[in-house]
C-alpha cells in the first residue's frame, strides 16, 4: 500500500511535505506518541484528501482505518486532526501503528545493494495477519492482504496505490 504521488488537487500540510521524508512508528512505539495530534493544512494546497498519507508518518482516513481494523486484530492508532483554519474545517486521520514482522521468504531475490528485486512473502509466517510492516525488508510500506485491498476498493478509496506481492 502506497500513497498516490500524482493525486490531482491533493491536500498539503503547512509544516510538512506529505511526499517527503517519513518517520516509521510501529506498535512498539505507541507509548511515545500523543493520543491526539493537530496538524495544519496548507491554505494554498488542494482539496482532495487521500485515504493514505505516508509522510511525515503513516496516516489513514477514518474509513481506511475501519476497514483495516476489520481484518487485523489489535490494531493501534493515534488520532490526527488536520485543521484548515481559513475554511474552519477539520479532517480526522489516524496514525497507523502496525506490527513489524519478519515475513520475507527465502525465494526473495536481491539486487547487489540489498534491495529486493523480487519480493516473496512466506505464507506460513503470514498466517492470519492481514496488515503489517516488513521487519526483514528494505521496503517500509504497509503490506495488506488482498481481502483488505478489495474491501478498500469497494469503498472507493482515494489516493492509494497497491502493488502485488508474491506469496509462497
N, C-alpha and C. Protein backbone atom coordinates (compact mmCIF):
# COMPACT_ATOMS: atom_id res chain seq x y z
N UNK A 1 0.86 -1.17 0.00
CA UNK A 1 0.00 0.00 0.00
C UNK A 1 0.90 1.22 0.00
N UNK A 2 0.60 2.16 -0.90
CA UNK A 2 1.42 3.36 -1.00
C UNK A 2 0.52 4.55 -1.30
N UNK A 3 1.06 5.73 -1.08
CA UNK A 3 0.35 6.96 -1.38
C UNK A 3 0.50 7.27 -2.85
N UNK A 4 -0.58 7.67 -3.50
CA UNK A 4 -0.54 8.07 -4.90
C UNK A 4 0.13 9.43 -5.00
N UNK A 5 1.33 9.44 -5.57
CA UNK A 5 2.13 10.67 -5.63
C UNK A 5 1.62 11.65 -6.69
N UNK A 6 0.73 11.23 -7.56
CA UNK A 6 0.24 12.11 -8.61
C UNK A 6 -1.26 12.42 -8.46
N UNK A 7 -1.76 12.33 -7.25
CA UNK A 7 -3.16 12.64 -6.99
C UNK A 7 -3.41 14.12 -7.27
N UNK A 8 -4.28 14.43 -8.23
CA UNK A 8 -4.53 15.83 -8.54
C UNK A 8 -5.26 16.55 -7.40
N UNK A 9 -4.88 17.80 -7.18
CA UNK A 9 -5.54 18.67 -6.21
C UNK A 9 -5.48 18.11 -4.78
N UNK A 10 -4.37 17.47 -4.43
CA UNK A 10 -4.22 16.86 -3.11
C UNK A 10 -4.01 17.91 -2.02
N UNK A 11 -4.48 17.58 -0.84
CA UNK A 11 -4.25 18.45 0.31
C UNK A 11 -2.75 18.49 0.61
N UNK A 12 -2.36 19.47 1.38
CA UNK A 12 -0.97 19.55 1.82
C UNK A 12 -0.94 20.06 3.25
N UNK A 13 0.10 19.70 3.96
CA UNK A 13 0.25 20.16 5.33
C UNK A 13 1.09 21.42 5.36
N UNK A 14 0.79 22.31 6.27
CA UNK A 14 1.50 23.58 6.35
C UNK A 14 2.96 23.39 6.73
N UNK A 15 3.25 22.49 7.66
CA UNK A 15 4.61 22.37 8.18
C UNK A 15 5.34 21.11 7.72
N UNK A 16 4.71 20.28 6.90
CA UNK A 16 5.32 19.03 6.46
C UNK A 16 5.02 18.80 4.99
N UNK A 17 5.91 18.09 4.32
CA UNK A 17 5.70 17.67 2.95
C UNK A 17 5.13 16.27 2.98
N UNK A 18 3.89 16.09 2.49
CA UNK A 18 3.27 14.76 2.57
C UNK A 18 3.89 13.78 1.58
N UNK A 19 4.82 14.26 0.75
CA UNK A 19 5.55 13.37 -0.16
C UNK A 19 7.01 13.27 0.25
N UNK A 20 7.39 13.89 1.34
CA UNK A 20 8.79 13.94 1.76
C UNK A 20 9.19 12.81 2.68
N UNK A 21 10.23 13.08 3.47
CA UNK A 21 10.78 12.08 4.39
C UNK A 21 9.71 11.66 5.40
N UNK A 22 9.74 10.38 5.73
CA UNK A 22 8.75 9.87 6.68
C UNK A 22 9.43 9.24 7.88
N UNK A 23 8.69 9.20 8.96
CA UNK A 23 9.13 8.55 10.18
C UNK A 23 8.21 7.34 10.38
N UNK A 24 8.80 6.20 10.57
CA UNK A 24 8.01 4.98 10.69
C UNK A 24 7.94 4.57 12.16
N UNK A 25 6.72 4.53 12.66
CA UNK A 25 6.47 4.08 14.01
C UNK A 25 5.68 2.78 13.94
N UNK A 26 5.93 1.90 14.89
CA UNK A 26 5.24 0.62 14.94
C UNK A 26 4.45 0.52 16.25
N UNK A 27 3.83 -0.61 16.47
CA UNK A 27 3.09 -0.83 17.71
C UNK A 27 3.99 -0.68 18.94
N UNK A 28 5.25 -1.01 18.80
CA UNK A 28 6.18 -0.90 19.92
C UNK A 28 6.41 0.54 20.37
N UNK A 29 6.11 1.50 19.50
CA UNK A 29 6.35 2.91 19.79
C UNK A 29 5.13 3.64 20.34
N UNK A 30 4.05 2.93 20.60
CA UNK A 30 2.78 3.55 20.94
C UNK A 30 2.88 4.49 22.15
N UNK A 31 3.68 4.16 23.13
CA UNK A 31 3.78 4.99 24.34
C UNK A 31 4.48 6.32 24.08
N UNK A 32 5.21 6.44 22.99
CA UNK A 32 5.95 7.67 22.67
C UNK A 32 5.10 8.68 21.90
N UNK A 33 3.90 8.29 21.51
CA UNK A 33 3.08 9.11 20.62
C UNK A 33 1.88 9.65 21.37
N UNK A 34 1.60 10.94 21.17
CA UNK A 34 0.43 11.57 21.80
C UNK A 34 -0.85 10.90 21.34
N UNK A 35 -1.86 10.90 22.21
CA UNK A 35 -3.15 10.33 21.86
C UNK A 35 -3.81 11.09 20.72
N UNK A 36 -3.64 12.41 20.71
CA UNK A 36 -4.20 13.26 19.65
C UNK A 36 -3.13 14.27 19.25
N UNK A 37 -3.00 14.47 17.95
CA UNK A 37 -2.07 15.45 17.40
C UNK A 37 -2.82 16.33 16.43
N UNK A 38 -2.54 17.62 16.44
CA UNK A 38 -3.15 18.56 15.49
C UNK A 38 -2.09 18.98 14.48
N UNK A 39 -2.46 18.93 13.21
CA UNK A 39 -1.62 19.41 12.12
C UNK A 39 -2.44 20.42 11.33
N UNK A 40 -1.78 21.37 10.72
CA UNK A 40 -2.49 22.39 9.97
C UNK A 40 -2.33 22.17 8.48
N UNK A 41 -3.46 22.29 7.77
CA UNK A 41 -3.45 22.16 6.32
C UNK A 41 -2.95 23.45 5.70
N UNK A 42 -2.23 23.31 4.60
CA UNK A 42 -1.71 24.45 3.86
C UNK A 42 -2.89 25.10 3.13
N UNK A 43 -3.06 26.40 3.34
CA UNK A 43 -4.20 27.10 2.74
C UNK A 43 -4.11 27.18 1.22
N UNK A 44 -2.91 27.01 0.66
CA UNK A 44 -2.75 27.10 -0.79
C UNK A 44 -2.82 25.74 -1.48
N UNK A 45 -2.90 24.66 -0.71
CA UNK A 45 -2.94 23.31 -1.29
C UNK A 45 -4.35 22.96 -1.75
N UNK A 46 -4.47 21.78 -2.34
CA UNK A 46 -5.73 21.34 -2.91
C UNK A 46 -6.76 20.88 -1.90
N UNK A 47 -7.81 20.29 -2.43
CA UNK A 47 -8.96 19.87 -1.63
C UNK A 47 -9.08 18.36 -1.46
N UNK A 48 -8.43 17.58 -2.32
CA UNK A 48 -8.60 16.13 -2.33
C UNK A 48 -7.79 15.48 -1.21
N UNK A 49 -8.47 14.80 -0.30
CA UNK A 49 -7.82 14.17 0.85
C UNK A 49 -7.61 12.69 0.58
N UNK A 50 -6.36 12.25 0.42
CA UNK A 50 -6.11 10.82 0.18
C UNK A 50 -6.44 10.00 1.43
N UNK A 51 -6.75 8.74 1.22
CA UNK A 51 -7.07 7.85 2.35
C UNK A 51 -5.83 7.27 3.00
N UNK A 52 -4.66 7.47 2.39
CA UNK A 52 -3.39 7.06 2.99
C UNK A 52 -2.35 8.13 2.70
N UNK A 53 -1.71 8.61 3.75
CA UNK A 53 -0.63 9.58 3.64
C UNK A 53 0.58 8.97 4.31
N UNK A 54 1.73 8.98 3.64
CA UNK A 54 2.89 8.29 4.21
C UNK A 54 3.90 9.21 4.86
N UNK A 55 3.70 10.52 4.78
CA UNK A 55 4.67 11.41 5.38
C UNK A 55 3.95 12.58 6.03
N UNK A 56 4.32 13.00 7.19
CA UNK A 56 5.52 12.67 7.96
C UNK A 56 5.45 11.32 8.67
N UNK A 57 4.23 10.79 8.87
CA UNK A 57 4.05 9.45 9.45
C UNK A 57 2.93 8.78 8.67
N UNK A 58 2.78 7.46 8.81
CA UNK A 58 1.69 6.76 8.14
C UNK A 58 0.36 7.17 8.75
N UNK A 59 -0.49 7.76 7.91
CA UNK A 59 -1.81 8.21 8.35
C UNK A 59 -2.85 7.65 7.41
N UNK A 60 -3.96 7.21 7.97
CA UNK A 60 -5.08 6.73 7.17
C UNK A 60 -6.35 7.45 7.59
N UNK A 61 -7.26 7.57 6.65
CA UNK A 61 -8.55 8.19 6.95
C UNK A 61 -9.33 7.27 7.90
N UNK A 62 -10.38 7.82 8.47
CA UNK A 62 -11.22 7.01 9.37
C UNK A 62 -11.75 5.78 8.64
N UNK A 63 -12.22 5.96 7.40
CA UNK A 63 -12.75 4.84 6.63
C UNK A 63 -11.69 3.77 6.41
N UNK A 64 -10.49 4.18 6.01
CA UNK A 64 -9.43 3.21 5.75
C UNK A 64 -9.03 2.48 7.04
N UNK A 65 -8.97 3.21 8.15
CA UNK A 65 -8.64 2.55 9.41
C UNK A 65 -9.71 1.52 9.77
N UNK A 66 -10.96 1.89 9.64
CA UNK A 66 -12.04 0.97 9.99
C UNK A 66 -11.98 -0.31 9.16
N UNK A 67 -11.65 -0.18 7.88
CA UNK A 67 -11.54 -1.36 7.01
C UNK A 67 -10.38 -2.24 7.46
N UNK A 68 -9.21 -1.66 7.64
CA UNK A 68 -8.04 -2.44 8.06
C UNK A 68 -8.30 -3.09 9.41
N UNK A 69 -8.95 -2.36 10.30
CA UNK A 69 -9.25 -2.86 11.64
C UNK A 69 -10.20 -4.06 11.61
N UNK A 70 -11.06 -4.15 10.60
CA UNK A 70 -11.96 -5.30 10.47
C UNK A 70 -11.18 -6.60 10.23
N UNK A 71 -10.02 -6.47 9.61
CA UNK A 71 -9.26 -7.66 9.21
C UNK A 71 -8.07 -7.97 10.12
N UNK A 72 -7.51 -6.96 10.76
CA UNK A 72 -6.31 -7.16 11.59
C UNK A 72 -6.66 -6.89 13.05
N UNK A 73 -6.47 -7.90 13.89
CA UNK A 73 -6.78 -7.76 15.31
C UNK A 73 -5.77 -6.85 16.01
N UNK A 74 -6.23 -6.19 17.03
CA UNK A 74 -5.38 -5.41 17.94
C UNK A 74 -4.62 -4.28 17.27
N UNK A 75 -5.17 -3.67 16.24
CA UNK A 75 -4.51 -2.51 15.64
C UNK A 75 -4.47 -1.37 16.65
N UNK A 76 -3.41 -0.61 16.61
CA UNK A 76 -3.30 0.56 17.47
C UNK A 76 -3.32 1.80 16.59
N UNK A 77 -3.87 2.86 17.12
CA UNK A 77 -3.94 4.11 16.37
C UNK A 77 -3.83 5.28 17.32
N UNK A 78 -3.43 6.39 16.75
CA UNK A 78 -3.44 7.66 17.44
C UNK A 78 -4.12 8.67 16.52
N UNK A 79 -4.99 9.47 17.07
CA UNK A 79 -5.79 10.40 16.28
C UNK A 79 -4.95 11.58 15.82
N UNK A 80 -5.15 11.97 14.56
CA UNK A 80 -4.51 13.16 13.99
C UNK A 80 -5.62 14.01 13.40
N UNK A 81 -5.74 15.23 13.88
CA UNK A 81 -6.75 16.15 13.37
C UNK A 81 -6.03 17.16 12.49
N UNK A 82 -6.43 17.21 11.22
CA UNK A 82 -5.87 18.19 10.29
C UNK A 82 -6.83 19.37 10.22
N UNK A 83 -6.31 20.53 10.53
CA UNK A 83 -7.15 21.72 10.65
C UNK A 83 -6.87 22.68 9.50
N UNK A 84 -7.93 23.12 8.86
CA UNK A 84 -7.83 24.15 7.83
C UNK A 84 -8.43 25.41 8.46
N UNK A 85 -7.57 26.26 9.00
CA UNK A 85 -8.03 27.42 9.76
C UNK A 85 -8.86 28.38 8.93
N UNK A 86 -8.42 28.62 7.69
CA UNK A 86 -9.10 29.60 6.85
C UNK A 86 -10.52 29.17 6.49
N UNK A 87 -10.75 27.88 6.34
CA UNK A 87 -12.07 27.38 5.96
C UNK A 87 -12.83 26.81 7.15
N UNK A 88 -12.24 26.86 8.33
CA UNK A 88 -12.86 26.33 9.55
C UNK A 88 -13.36 24.90 9.38
N UNK A 89 -12.49 24.05 8.85
CA UNK A 89 -12.85 22.64 8.71
C UNK A 89 -11.73 21.75 9.23
N UNK A 90 -12.10 20.53 9.52
CA UNK A 90 -11.15 19.56 10.06
C UNK A 90 -11.29 18.23 9.34
N UNK A 91 -10.16 17.55 9.20
CA UNK A 91 -10.14 16.19 8.68
C UNK A 91 -9.56 15.30 9.77
N UNK A 92 -10.19 14.15 9.99
CA UNK A 92 -9.70 13.23 11.01
C UNK A 92 -8.96 12.08 10.33
N UNK A 93 -7.73 11.87 10.76
CA UNK A 93 -6.92 10.75 10.29
C UNK A 93 -6.44 9.99 11.52
N UNK A 94 -5.89 8.82 11.27
CA UNK A 94 -5.30 8.04 12.35
C UNK A 94 -3.88 7.66 11.98
N UNK A 95 -2.99 7.86 12.93
CA UNK A 95 -1.60 7.41 12.79
C UNK A 95 -1.66 5.89 12.88
N UNK A 96 -1.35 5.22 11.80
CA UNK A 96 -1.47 3.77 11.72
C UNK A 96 -0.22 3.12 12.31
N UNK A 97 -0.40 2.36 13.37
CA UNK A 97 0.70 1.69 14.06
C UNK A 97 0.56 0.18 13.84
N UNK A 98 1.36 -0.35 12.95
CA UNK A 98 1.30 -1.76 12.59
C UNK A 98 2.40 -2.55 13.27
N UNK A 99 2.22 -3.86 13.31
CA UNK A 99 3.27 -4.75 13.80
C UNK A 99 4.37 -4.83 12.74
N UNK A 100 5.60 -4.84 13.19
CA UNK A 100 6.72 -5.07 12.29
C UNK A 100 7.12 -6.53 12.46
N UNK A 101 7.05 -7.29 11.35
CA UNK A 101 7.23 -8.73 11.45
C UNK A 101 8.14 -9.24 10.32
N UNK A 102 8.84 -10.31 10.60
CA UNK A 102 9.70 -10.94 9.60
C UNK A 102 8.86 -11.90 8.77
N UNK A 103 8.62 -11.54 7.51
CA UNK A 103 7.73 -12.30 6.65
C UNK A 103 8.36 -12.68 5.31
N UNK A 104 9.60 -12.26 5.05
CA UNK A 104 10.23 -12.49 3.76
C UNK A 104 10.61 -13.96 3.59
N UNK A 105 10.28 -14.53 2.43
CA UNK A 105 10.57 -15.92 2.10
C UNK A 105 11.99 -16.03 1.54
N UNK A 106 12.58 -17.20 1.65
CA UNK A 106 13.93 -17.43 1.13
C UNK A 106 14.00 -17.34 -0.39
N UNK A 107 12.87 -17.38 -1.08
CA UNK A 107 12.84 -17.24 -2.54
C UNK A 107 13.03 -15.79 -3.01
N UNK A 108 13.05 -14.84 -2.09
CA UNK A 108 13.23 -13.44 -2.46
C UNK A 108 14.58 -13.25 -3.13
N UNK A 109 14.57 -12.48 -4.22
CA UNK A 109 15.80 -12.18 -4.95
C UNK A 109 16.20 -10.74 -4.66
N UNK A 110 17.51 -10.50 -4.59
CA UNK A 110 18.02 -9.19 -4.21
C UNK A 110 18.96 -8.60 -5.26
N UNK A 111 18.99 -7.28 -5.33
CA UNK A 111 20.00 -6.58 -6.11
C UNK A 111 21.29 -6.57 -5.30
N UNK A 112 22.43 -6.26 -5.91
CA UNK A 112 23.69 -6.22 -5.16
C UNK A 112 23.68 -5.25 -3.98
N UNK A 113 22.87 -4.19 -4.05
CA UNK A 113 22.82 -3.22 -2.95
C UNK A 113 21.92 -3.67 -1.79
N UNK A 114 21.32 -4.86 -1.91
CA UNK A 114 20.48 -5.39 -0.84
C UNK A 114 19.00 -5.12 -1.01
N UNK A 115 18.62 -4.29 -1.98
CA UNK A 115 17.21 -4.00 -2.24
C UNK A 115 16.57 -5.21 -2.92
N UNK A 116 15.31 -5.44 -2.61
CA UNK A 116 14.60 -6.58 -3.17
C UNK A 116 14.30 -6.38 -4.65
N UNK A 117 14.72 -7.33 -5.46
CA UNK A 117 14.41 -7.35 -6.89
C UNK A 117 13.06 -8.03 -7.09
N UNK A 118 12.88 -9.14 -6.42
CA UNK A 118 11.64 -9.92 -6.46
C UNK A 118 11.29 -10.29 -5.03
N UNK A 119 10.33 -9.58 -4.47
CA UNK A 119 9.93 -9.81 -3.09
C UNK A 119 8.93 -10.96 -3.03
N UNK A 120 9.22 -11.94 -2.18
CA UNK A 120 8.32 -13.07 -1.96
C UNK A 120 8.10 -13.18 -0.46
N UNK A 121 6.83 -13.23 -0.06
CA UNK A 121 6.50 -13.37 1.35
C UNK A 121 6.21 -14.83 1.68
N UNK A 122 6.44 -15.20 2.92
CA UNK A 122 6.28 -16.57 3.38
C UNK A 122 4.87 -16.74 3.95
N UNK A 123 4.05 -17.55 3.30
CA UNK A 123 2.66 -17.76 3.72
C UNK A 123 2.56 -18.32 5.13
N UNK A 124 3.49 -19.19 5.50
CA UNK A 124 3.47 -19.78 6.84
C UNK A 124 3.72 -18.72 7.91
N UNK A 125 4.59 -17.77 7.61
CA UNK A 125 4.88 -16.70 8.57
C UNK A 125 3.74 -15.70 8.65
N UNK A 126 3.10 -15.46 7.53
CA UNK A 126 2.00 -14.50 7.50
C UNK A 126 0.84 -15.00 8.35
N UNK A 127 0.52 -16.27 8.21
CA UNK A 127 -0.58 -16.84 9.00
C UNK A 127 -1.87 -16.07 8.82
N UNK A 128 -2.43 -15.59 9.90
CA UNK A 128 -3.71 -14.89 9.88
C UNK A 128 -3.56 -13.37 9.76
N UNK A 129 -2.34 -12.84 9.71
CA UNK A 129 -2.13 -11.39 9.66
C UNK A 129 -2.56 -10.81 8.32
N UNK A 130 -3.24 -9.69 8.36
CA UNK A 130 -3.76 -9.05 7.15
C UNK A 130 -3.15 -7.67 6.89
N UNK A 131 -2.42 -7.11 7.87
CA UNK A 131 -1.77 -5.81 7.70
C UNK A 131 -0.56 -5.75 8.62
N UNK A 132 0.59 -5.40 8.05
CA UNK A 132 1.83 -5.39 8.84
C UNK A 132 2.92 -4.65 8.08
N UNK A 133 4.03 -4.43 8.75
CA UNK A 133 5.25 -3.89 8.14
C UNK A 133 6.28 -5.01 8.09
N UNK A 134 7.13 -4.97 7.09
CA UNK A 134 8.17 -5.99 6.96
C UNK A 134 9.41 -5.58 7.74
N UNK A 135 9.79 -6.37 8.73
CA UNK A 135 10.97 -6.09 9.53
C UNK A 135 12.24 -6.49 8.78
N UNK A 136 12.13 -7.47 7.91
CA UNK A 136 13.30 -8.02 7.22
C UNK A 136 13.36 -7.61 5.75
N UNK A 137 12.96 -6.37 5.47
CA UNK A 137 12.96 -5.87 4.11
C UNK A 137 13.36 -4.40 4.10
N UNK A 138 13.89 -3.95 3.00
CA UNK A 138 14.19 -2.53 2.84
C UNK A 138 12.93 -1.75 2.46
N UNK A 139 11.91 -2.46 2.03
CA UNK A 139 10.64 -1.82 1.69
C UNK A 139 9.88 -1.59 2.99
N UNK A 140 9.63 -0.34 3.30
CA UNK A 140 8.99 0.01 4.57
C UNK A 140 7.62 0.64 4.36
N UNK A 141 6.82 -0.01 3.54
CA UNK A 141 5.45 0.41 3.33
C UNK A 141 4.53 -0.64 3.94
N UNK A 142 3.32 -0.26 4.34
CA UNK A 142 2.40 -1.25 4.87
C UNK A 142 2.07 -2.33 3.85
N UNK A 143 2.03 -3.56 4.31
CA UNK A 143 1.61 -4.69 3.48
C UNK A 143 0.22 -5.07 3.96
N UNK A 144 -0.72 -5.13 3.02
CA UNK A 144 -2.08 -5.51 3.36
C UNK A 144 -2.52 -6.66 2.46
N UNK A 145 -3.38 -7.49 2.97
CA UNK A 145 -3.84 -8.66 2.23
C UNK A 145 -4.79 -8.26 1.10
N UNK A 146 -5.01 -9.19 0.20
CA UNK A 146 -5.93 -8.97 -0.91
C UNK A 146 -7.34 -8.66 -0.40
N UNK A 147 -7.74 -9.29 0.69
CA UNK A 147 -9.07 -9.01 1.26
C UNK A 147 -9.19 -7.54 1.68
N UNK A 148 -8.14 -7.01 2.27
CA UNK A 148 -8.15 -5.60 2.70
C UNK A 148 -8.20 -4.70 1.47
N UNK A 149 -7.39 -5.00 0.47
CA UNK A 149 -7.37 -4.19 -0.76
C UNK A 149 -8.75 -4.18 -1.41
N UNK A 150 -9.34 -5.35 -1.57
CA UNK A 150 -10.66 -5.42 -2.20
C UNK A 150 -11.71 -4.65 -1.41
N UNK A 151 -11.64 -4.74 -0.11
CA UNK A 151 -12.59 -4.03 0.75
C UNK A 151 -12.41 -2.51 0.63
N UNK A 152 -11.17 -2.06 0.58
CA UNK A 152 -10.90 -0.63 0.40
C UNK A 152 -11.39 -0.16 -0.96
N UNK A 153 -11.13 -0.94 -1.99
CA UNK A 153 -11.55 -0.55 -3.35
C UNK A 153 -13.07 -0.50 -3.47
N UNK A 154 -13.77 -1.41 -2.81
CA UNK A 154 -15.25 -1.38 -2.82
C UNK A 154 -15.79 -0.10 -2.20
N UNK A 155 -15.05 0.47 -1.29
CA UNK A 155 -15.48 1.69 -0.60
C UNK A 155 -14.97 2.95 -1.28
N UNK A 156 -14.34 2.82 -2.43
CA UNK A 156 -13.91 3.99 -3.20
C UNK A 156 -12.72 4.71 -2.61
N UNK A 157 -11.73 3.96 -2.19
CA UNK A 157 -10.53 4.55 -1.61
C UNK A 157 -9.90 5.55 -2.60
N UNK A 158 -9.37 6.65 -2.06
CA UNK A 158 -8.80 7.73 -2.87
C UNK A 158 -7.33 7.92 -2.53
N UNK A 159 -6.52 8.11 -3.56
CA UNK A 159 -5.11 8.47 -3.34
C UNK A 159 -4.24 7.36 -2.80
N UNK A 160 -4.62 6.11 -3.07
CA UNK A 160 -3.85 4.96 -2.60
C UNK A 160 -3.52 4.08 -3.79
N UNK A 161 -2.28 3.61 -3.86
CA UNK A 161 -1.90 2.66 -4.89
C UNK A 161 -1.52 1.35 -4.22
N UNK A 162 -1.71 0.28 -4.96
CA UNK A 162 -1.39 -1.05 -4.45
C UNK A 162 -0.49 -1.75 -5.45
N UNK A 163 0.46 -2.52 -4.93
CA UNK A 163 1.35 -3.31 -5.76
C UNK A 163 1.27 -4.75 -5.29
N UNK A 164 1.13 -5.67 -6.22
CA UNK A 164 1.01 -7.08 -5.88
C UNK A 164 2.36 -7.62 -5.41
N UNK A 165 2.31 -8.44 -4.36
CA UNK A 165 3.50 -9.09 -3.82
C UNK A 165 3.26 -10.59 -3.84
N UNK A 166 4.25 -11.33 -4.28
CA UNK A 166 4.15 -12.79 -4.37
C UNK A 166 4.22 -13.42 -2.98
N UNK A 167 3.41 -14.48 -2.79
CA UNK A 167 3.41 -15.23 -1.53
C UNK A 167 3.65 -16.70 -1.87
N UNK A 168 4.59 -17.31 -1.13
CA UNK A 168 4.88 -18.73 -1.38
C UNK A 168 4.78 -19.51 -0.07
